[in-house]
Amino acid sequence: MLQTGVVVQNLVYAYSNQEPVLRDISFTLNPGDRVALMGSTGSGKSTLLENLIGLKQPLSGKIWINDILVEPKTLPQIRRNIGFSFQDANDQLFMPTILEDVTFGPRNYGVPPAIAIDKARHLLADFGLEAYINRSAHELSGGQRRLAALAAILALEPTILILDEPTNGLDPAWRRHLAQVLLRLPVQVILIASHDLHWLSKVTQRALVLSGGQIAIDRDIQPLLQDADTLDKLGLPVGW
């Protein structure tokens, strides 16, 4: 296995008493990879991401994160390696202020309060949120909440970042700002599930496309986005 990165081998997942949603999924994400996970609604993108971080358990197959096999006993270690952002940033912001949200993870792992606060202030300043550190997430715009949630994830210094529909509800200016932030992050691997094809073309180099429960396509994203016929057949008509 790889020293760092993600390896998925013959993954099969099904909900109770149903046909598999994911069938024989295999792929590798190497250090330096910035990868788009694409597919029509219901293709299993979120389900696959939740398998990667152990929120769901596959019927068969194996997943390694930084050379660690994903299984119940390794989940605390796995989740120190992966930063995962849910579709709704509000699911990750629950403290009275965003400063407390960003320091929560490090303090929970024993980082001294002064160090956690200093790191949080620097992250929030990098994301243009220094003026809002003492505000609640409910007082922020959708774009600001998204960045605050990302800061809370990065405070734990993950090597792998997984984002589920990160541009949902963001206007063009905030989508651009989020892209600029992602492009300079010091992480080994980024995997982003999204329907926002134009935005994905700005922040990723490779595309995995789910269709029929399998990886139908694994190729560079730029030529794929120029192949309108293929995208249309996959339920991803470009420009819509």
Protein backbone atom coordinates (compact mmCIF):
# COMPACT_ATOMS: atom_id res chain seq x y z
CA MET A 1 0.00 0.00 0.00
CA LEU A 2 0.96 3.67 -0.24
CA GLN A 3 2.62 5.52 2.58
CA THR A 4 0.20 8.41 2.02
CA GLY A 5 -3.00 8.65 0.01
CA VAL A 6 -6.19 6.67 -0.46
CA VAL A 7 -6.57 3.14 -1.84
CA VAL A 8 -10.02 1.66 -2.47
CA GLN A 9 -10.13 -1.99 -3.50
CA ASN A 10 -13.26 -3.82 -4.75
CA LEU A 11 -15.65 -1.83 -2.54
CA VAL A 12 -19.29 -2.97 -2.46
CA TYR A 13 -21.94 -1.16 -0.43
CA ALA A 14 -25.70 -1.67 -0.13
CA TYR A 15 -28.41 -0.29 2.11
CA SER A 16 -30.46 -2.87 4.04
CA ASN A 17 -32.33 -5.32 1.81
CA GLN A 18 -31.51 -3.37 -1.34
CA GLU A 19 -29.34 -3.85 -4.40
CA PRO A 20 -25.77 -2.51 -4.05
CA VAL A 21 -25.38 1.24 -4.52
CA LEU A 22 -21.63 0.81 -5.08
CA ARG A 23 -20.32 -2.16 -7.04
CA ASP A 24 -16.68 -3.25 -7.15
CA ILE A 25 -15.26 0.27 -6.73
CA SER A 26 -11.46 0.51 -7.01
CA PHE A 27 -9.22 3.58 -7.32
CA THR A 28 -6.10 5.16 -5.86
CA LEU A 29 -5.49 8.77 -4.86
CA ASN A 30 -1.80 9.65 -4.65
CA PRO A 31 -0.14 12.57 -2.84
CA GLY A 32 -0.64 15.70 -4.93
CA ASP A 33 -3.92 14.53 -6.45
CA ARG A 34 -6.80 17.01 -6.68
CA VAL A 35 -9.76 14.88 -7.77
CA ALA A 36 -13.39 15.57 -8.69
CA LEU A 37 -15.99 12.94 -7.82
CA MET A 38 -18.78 13.37 -10.33
CA GLY A 39 -22.04 11.64 -11.09
CA SER A 40 -25.75 12.33 -11.45
CA THR A 41 -28.00 12.70 -8.40
CA GLY A 42 -28.37 9.34 -6.67
CA SER A 43 -25.21 7.87 -8.20
CA GLY A 44 -23.69 7.22 -4.77
CA LYS A 45 -21.16 10.03 -4.39
CA SER A 46 -22.00 10.88 -0.77
CA THR A 47 -22.29 7.18 0.07
CA LEU A 48 -18.79 6.57 -1.26
CA LEU A 49 -17.38 9.49 0.72
CA GLU A 50 -19.03 8.22 3.90
CA ASN A 51 -17.45 4.81 3.34
CA LEU A 52 -14.04 6.44 3.07
CA ILE A 53 -14.31 7.96 6.54
CA GLY A 54 -16.02 5.00 8.18
CA LEU A 55 -19.50 6.49 8.59
CA LYS A 56 -20.75 3.56 6.54
CA GLN A 57 -19.37 0.01 6.47
CA PRO A 58 -19.00 -1.76 3.10
CA LEU A 59 -20.39 -5.22 2.43
CA SER A 60 -17.01 -6.18 1.00
CA GLY A 61 -13.78 -4.66 -0.21
CA LYS A 62 -11.12 -2.66 1.58
CA ILE A 63 -10.08 0.97 2.04
CA TRP A 64 -6.68 2.20 3.17
CA ILE A 65 -6.07 5.77 4.31
CA ASN A 66 -2.38 6.64 4.58
CA ASP A 67 -1.59 2.91 4.74
CA ILE A 68 -4.12 2.33 7.55
CA LEU A 69 -6.93 -0.15 6.87
CA VAL A 70 -10.32 1.45 7.54
CA GLU A 71 -12.08 -0.68 10.17
CA PRO A 72 -13.88 0.08 13.43
CA LYS A 73 -10.76 -0.08 15.61
CA THR A 74 -8.80 2.34 13.39
CA LEU A 75 -11.52 4.98 12.92
CA PRO A 76 -10.11 7.47 15.49
CA GLN A 77 -6.75 7.32 13.70
CA ILE A 78 -8.38 7.52 10.25
CA ARG A 79 -10.31 10.62 11.24
CA ARG A 80 -7.13 12.35 12.35
CA ASN A 81 -5.82 11.90 8.80
CA ILE A 82 -8.97 13.02 6.95
CA GLY A 83 -10.74 16.34 7.02
CA PHE A 84 -14.35 15.82 5.91
CA SER A 85 -16.77 18.60 5.05
CA PHE A 86 -20.48 17.75 4.93
CA GLN A 87 -22.85 19.31 2.40
CA ASP A 88 -24.31 21.57 5.10
CA ALA A 89 -21.65 23.59 6.95
CA ASN A 90 -24.11 24.02 9.84
CA ASP A 91 -23.59 20.32 10.66
CA GLN A 92 -20.03 21.18 11.70
CA LEU A 93 -20.51 24.54 13.44
CA PHE A 94 -22.17 24.15 16.83
CA MET A 95 -20.21 26.25 19.34
CA PRO A 96 -21.24 29.75 20.49
CA THR A 97 -18.57 31.42 18.31
CA ILE A 98 -16.60 30.39 15.25
CA LEU A 99 -13.36 30.83 17.21
CA GLU A 100 -14.60 28.13 19.58
CA ASP A 101 -15.67 25.99 16.63
CA VAL A 102 -12.17 26.12 15.14
CA THR A 103 -10.42 25.44 18.46
CA PHE A 104 -12.78 22.63 19.47
CA GLY A 105 -11.03 19.84 17.57
CA PRO A 106 -7.45 20.65 18.60
CA ARG A 107 -8.45 21.18 22.25
CA ASN A 108 -10.32 17.89 22.21
CA TYR A 109 -7.03 16.23 21.18
CA GLY A 110 -5.09 17.89 23.97
CA VAL A 111 -3.61 20.92 22.22
CA PRO A 112 -3.01 23.68 24.82
CA PRO A 113 -5.70 26.39 24.62
CA ALA A 114 -3.25 29.21 23.77
CA ILE A 115 -1.78 27.25 20.86
CA ALA A 116 -5.24 26.20 19.60
CA ILE A 117 -6.48 29.80 19.71
CA ASP A 118 -3.39 31.12 17.93
CA LYS A 119 -3.78 28.54 15.15
CA ALA A 120 -7.50 29.31 14.85
CA ARG A 121 -6.88 33.04 14.57
CA HIS A 122 -4.35 32.49 11.80
CA LEU A 123 -6.68 30.18 9.86
CA LEU A 124 -9.63 32.54 10.15
CA ALA A 125 -7.45 35.46 9.08
CA ASP A 126 -6.27 33.49 6.03
CA PHE A 127 -9.91 32.96 5.09
CA GLY A 128 -10.84 36.62 5.61
CA LEU A 129 -12.90 35.90 8.72
CA GLU A 130 -10.78 37.62 11.39
CA ALA A 131 -13.48 40.23 12.01
CA TYR A 132 -16.04 37.51 12.81
CA ILE A 133 -14.18 35.32 15.30
CA ASN A 134 -16.52 36.15 18.16
CA ARG A 135 -19.70 35.72 16.16
CA SER A 136 -21.91 32.69 15.96
CA ALA A 137 -22.12 30.74 12.72
CA HIS A 138 -25.77 31.83 12.40
CA GLU A 139 -24.61 35.43 12.00
CA LEU A 140 -22.44 34.60 8.97
CA SER A 141 -23.31 34.33 5.30
CA GLY A 142 -23.40 30.94 3.60
CA GLY A 143 -19.94 31.50 2.13
CA GLN A 144 -18.52 32.58 5.47
CA ARG A 145 -19.98 29.53 7.20
CA ARG A 146 -18.46 27.26 4.56
CA LEU A 147 -15.01 28.76 5.13
CA ALA A 148 -15.41 28.66 8.91
CA ALA A 149 -16.26 24.96 8.71
CA LEU A 150 -13.21 24.41 6.50
CA ALA A 151 -11.03 26.26 9.02
CA ALA A 152 -12.36 23.99 11.79
CA ILE A 153 -11.37 20.96 9.71
CA LEU A 154 -7.90 22.28 8.84
CA ALA A 155 -7.16 23.11 12.48
CA LEU A 156 -6.61 19.37 12.94
CA GLU A 157 -3.96 19.42 10.17
CA PRO A 158 -5.37 16.57 8.04
CA THR A 159 -3.33 15.19 5.16
CA ILE A 160 -6.45 14.35 3.12
CA LEU A 161 -9.40 16.69 2.52
CA ILE A 162 -12.80 15.40 1.37
CA LEU A 163 -15.55 17.88 0.48
CA ASP A 164 -19.18 17.05 -0.31
CA GLU A 165 -20.87 19.67 -2.55
CA PRO A 166 -18.81 22.57 -1.14
CA THR A 167 -20.30 25.25 -3.43
CA ASN A 168 -23.94 24.59 -2.51
CA GLY A 169 -25.62 27.94 -1.82
CA LEU A 170 -22.56 30.05 -2.65
CA ASP A 171 -22.68 33.03 -4.98
CA PRO A 172 -19.97 33.43 -7.67
CA ALA A 173 -17.70 35.61 -5.51
CA TRP A 174 -17.70 33.10 -2.66
CA ARG A 175 -17.19 30.19 -5.07
CA ARG A 176 -14.10 31.96 -6.42
CA HIS A 177 -12.85 32.71 -2.90
CA LEU A 178 -13.31 29.08 -1.85
CA ALA A 179 -11.39 27.93 -4.94
CA GLN A 180 -8.53 30.30 -4.11
CA VAL A 181 -8.39 28.94 -0.57
CA LEU A 182 -8.38 25.30 -1.70
CA LEU A 183 -5.62 25.83 -4.25
CA ARG A 184 -3.16 26.94 -1.56
CA LEU A 185 -3.97 24.42 1.16
CA PRO A 186 -1.08 22.32 2.54
CA VAL A 187 -2.82 18.94 2.21
CA GLN A 188 -1.67 15.83 0.35
CA VAL A 189 -4.94 14.86 -1.37
CA ILE A 190 -8.21 16.65 -2.09
CA LEU A 191 -11.36 14.79 -3.20
CA ILE A 192 -14.41 16.89 -4.04
CA ALA A 193 -17.90 15.61 -4.84
CA SER A 194 -19.84 18.23 -6.77
CA HIS A 195 -22.25 18.91 -9.62
CA ASP A 196 -20.57 22.30 -10.21
CA LEU A 197 -18.57 21.24 -13.26
CA HIS A 198 -17.17 24.66 -14.17
CA TRP A 199 -15.96 25.24 -10.62
CA LEU A 200 -14.44 21.74 -10.47
CA SER A 201 -12.41 22.57 -13.56
CA LYS A 202 -10.73 25.36 -11.57
CA VAL A 203 -9.71 23.30 -8.53
CA THR A 204 -9.14 19.69 -9.69
CA GLN A 205 -7.05 17.91 -12.31
CA ARG A 206 -8.66 14.47 -12.41
CA ALA A 207 -12.23 13.20 -12.50
CA LEU A 208 -13.81 10.01 -11.20
CA VAL A 209 -17.34 9.58 -12.55
CA LEU A 210 -19.83 7.27 -10.83
CA SER A 211 -22.51 5.67 -12.97
CA GLY A 212 -24.49 2.49 -12.37
CA GLY A 213 -22.72 2.05 -9.05
CA GLN A 214 -19.29 1.85 -10.65
CA ILE A 215 -16.41 4.11 -11.66
CA ALA A 216 -17.38 4.67 -15.30
CA ILE A 217 -14.58 7.15 -16.03
CA ASP A 218 -11.21 7.97 -14.47
CA ARG A 219 -9.38 10.58 -16.54
CA ASP A 220 -8.05 14.13 -16.63
CA ILE A 221 -10.89 16.55 -16.01
CA GLN A 222 -10.18 19.11 -18.76
CA PRO A 223 -10.66 16.79 -21.78
CA LEU A 224 -13.65 15.20 -20.05
CA LEU A 225 -15.38 18.56 -19.66
CA GLN A 226 -14.90 19.18 -23.38
CA ASP A 227 -16.60 15.86 -24.21
CA ALA A 228 -20.20 17.07 -24.13
CA ASP A 229 -21.66 13.85 -25.56
CA THR A 230 -20.10 11.65 -22.86
CA LEU A 231 -21.16 14.01 -20.08
CA ASP A 232 -24.71 14.12 -21.41
CA LYS A 233 -24.92 10.31 -21.47
CA LEU A 234 -23.77 10.28 -17.84
CA GLY A 235 -26.49 12.72 -16.80
CA LEU A 236 -24.05 15.62 -16.49
CA PRO A 237 -24.93 17.97 -19.34
CA VAL A 238 -22.26 20.65 -19.38
CA GLY A 239 -23.43 24.26 -19.12
CA TRP A 240 -26.59 23.50 -17.13
